[in-house]
Amino acid sequence: MNDRVDLSGSVFHNEVSGKYEHHHHYGPAPTATAALPAALTVFTGCDPQVDELLAALTLVPGALRDRS
């Protein structure tokens, strides 16, 4: 690669300076979360509390009355 700008064949009426810039695009910068372990696919721990919560949220047939 050449670090000069070819201005041959151009007509200028005052002083001229040329500059060539090349920007490298390497993609997005890594984030801080890239160093973290992968997210868990299942909830672990507190099994008795989870069972209790699921039991409390489970609908019992006939427990809801028609409010109309």
C-alpha atoms as a PDB file:
ATOM      1  CA  MET A   1       0.000   0.000   0.000  1.00  0.00           C
ATOM      2  CA  ASN A   2       1.181   3.463  -0.866  1.00  0.00           C
ATOM      3  CA  ASP A   3       0.948   6.327   1.640  1.00  0.00           C
ATOM      4  CA  ARG A   4       0.821   8.995  -1.070  1.00  0.00           C
ATOM      5  CA  VAL A   5      -2.245  10.486  -2.739  1.00  0.00           C
ATOM      6  CA  ASP A   6      -1.939  10.797  -6.524  1.00  0.00           C
ATOM      7  CA  LEU A   7      -2.973  14.311  -7.491  1.00  0.00           C
ATOM      8  CA  SER A   8      -1.412  14.184 -10.945  1.00  0.00           C
ATOM      9  CA  GLY A   9      -3.523  15.737 -13.669  1.00  0.00           C
ATOM     10  CA  SER A  10      -5.309  18.053 -11.224  1.00  0.00           C
ATOM     11  CA  VAL A  11      -5.385  21.850 -11.484  1.00  0.00           C
ATOM     12  CA  PHE A  12      -5.032  23.859  -8.289  1.00  0.00           C
ATOM     13  CA  HIS A  13      -4.976  27.626  -7.771  1.00  0.00           C
ATOM     14  CA  ASN A  14      -3.510  27.651  -4.287  1.00  0.00           C
ATOM     15  CA  GLU A  15      -1.628  25.366  -1.909  1.00  0.00           C
ATOM     16  CA  VAL A  16      -3.011  21.851  -1.626  1.00  0.00           C
ATOM     17  CA  SER A  17      -2.375  19.016   0.763  1.00  0.00           C
ATOM     18  CA  GLY A  18      -3.782  15.535   0.350  1.00  0.00           C
ATOM     19  CA  LYS A  19      -4.395  12.861   2.925  1.00  0.00           C
ATOM     20  CA  TYR A  20      -5.509   9.248   2.610  1.00  0.00           C
ATOM     21  CA  GLU A  21      -7.132   7.515   5.580  1.00  0.00           C
ATOM     22  CA  HIS A  22      -7.934   3.840   5.806  1.00  0.00           C
ATOM     23  CA  HIS A  23     -10.132   2.651   8.658  1.00  0.00           C
ATOM     24  CA  HIS A  24     -10.024  -0.983   9.729  1.00  0.00           C
ATOM     25  CA  HIS A  25     -13.352  -2.412  10.868  1.00  0.00           C
ATOM     26  CA  TYR A  26     -12.838  -5.553  12.918  1.00  0.00           C
ATOM     27  CA  GLY A  27     -16.410  -5.950  14.182  1.00  0.00           C
ATOM     28  CA  PRO A  28     -17.917  -5.062  17.542  1.00  0.00           C
ATOM     29  CA  ALA A  29     -15.697  -4.766  20.574  1.00  0.00           C
ATOM     30  CA  PRO A  30     -16.031  -7.570  23.116  1.00  0.00           C
ATOM     31  CA  THR A  31     -18.158  -6.810  26.154  1.00  0.00           C
ATOM     32  CA  ALA A  32     -17.419  -7.564  29.776  1.00  0.00           C
ATOM     33  CA  THR A  33     -20.037 -10.339  29.740  1.00  0.00           C
ATOM     34  CA  ALA A  34     -17.963 -12.268  27.193  1.00  0.00           C
ATOM     35  CA  ALA A  35     -15.765 -13.504  30.053  1.00  0.00           C
ATOM     36  CA  LEU A  36     -18.679 -14.801  32.133  1.00  0.00           C
ATOM     37  CA  PRO A  37     -19.711 -18.470  32.148  1.00  0.00           C
ATOM     38  CA  ALA A  38     -22.744 -19.510  30.103  1.00  0.00           C
ATOM     39  CA  ALA A  39     -26.181 -18.993  31.648  1.00  0.00           C
ATOM     40  CA  LEU A  40     -27.726 -21.967  33.405  1.00  0.00           C
ATOM     41  CA  THR A  41     -30.417 -23.796  31.482  1.00  0.00           C
ATOM     42  CA  VAL A  42     -32.247 -24.995  34.594  1.00  0.00           C
ATOM     43  CA  PHE A  43     -32.956 -23.494  38.001  1.00  0.00           C
ATOM     44  CA  THR A  44     -30.835 -25.180  40.648  1.00  0.00           C
ATOM     45  CA  GLY A  45     -31.009 -25.118  44.423  1.00  0.00           C
ATOM     46  CA  CYS A  46     -33.944 -24.310  46.727  1.00  0.00           C
ATOM     47  CA  ASP A  47     -35.855 -27.408  45.509  1.00  0.00           C
ATOM     48  CA  PRO A  48     -38.178 -27.547  48.579  1.00  0.00           C
ATOM     49  CA  GLN A  49     -39.094 -23.859  48.126  1.00  0.00           C
ATOM     50  CA  VAL A  50     -39.702 -24.308  44.394  1.00  0.00           C
ATOM     51  CA  ASP A  51     -41.949 -27.336  45.069  1.00  0.00           C
ATOM     52  CA  GLU A  52     -43.895 -25.332  47.659  1.00  0.00           C
ATOM     53  CA  LEU A  53     -44.329 -22.424  45.267  1.00  0.00           C
ATOM     54  CA  LEU A  54     -45.453 -24.657  42.398  1.00  0.00           C
ATOM     55  CA  ALA A  55     -47.961 -26.382  44.682  1.00  0.00           C
ATOM     56  CA  ALA A  56     -49.351 -22.983  45.737  1.00  0.00           C
ATOM     57  CA  LEU A  57     -49.712 -21.932  42.085  1.00  0.00           C
ATOM     58  CA  THR A  58     -51.343 -25.156  40.920  1.00  0.00           C
ATOM     59  CA  LEU A  59     -55.068 -24.825  40.318  1.00  0.00           C
ATOM     60  CA  VAL A  60     -57.247 -27.304  42.143  1.00  0.00           C
ATOM     61  CA  PRO A  61     -60.274 -28.422  40.070  1.00  0.00           C
ATOM     62  CA  GLY A  62     -63.427 -26.779  41.433  1.00  0.00           C
ATOM     63  CA  ALA A  63     -61.487 -24.298  43.582  1.00  0.00           C
ATOM     64  CA  LEU A  64     -62.519 -21.329  41.477  1.00  0.00           C
ATOM     65  CA  ARG A  65     -66.122 -20.267  41.659  1.00  0.00           C
ATOM     66  CA  ASP A  66     -68.055 -18.571  38.898  1.00  0.00           C
ATOM     67  CA  ARG A  67     -68.285 -14.884  39.892  1.00  0.00           C
ATOM     68  CA  SER A  68     -70.932 -13.871  37.365  1.00  0.00           C
END
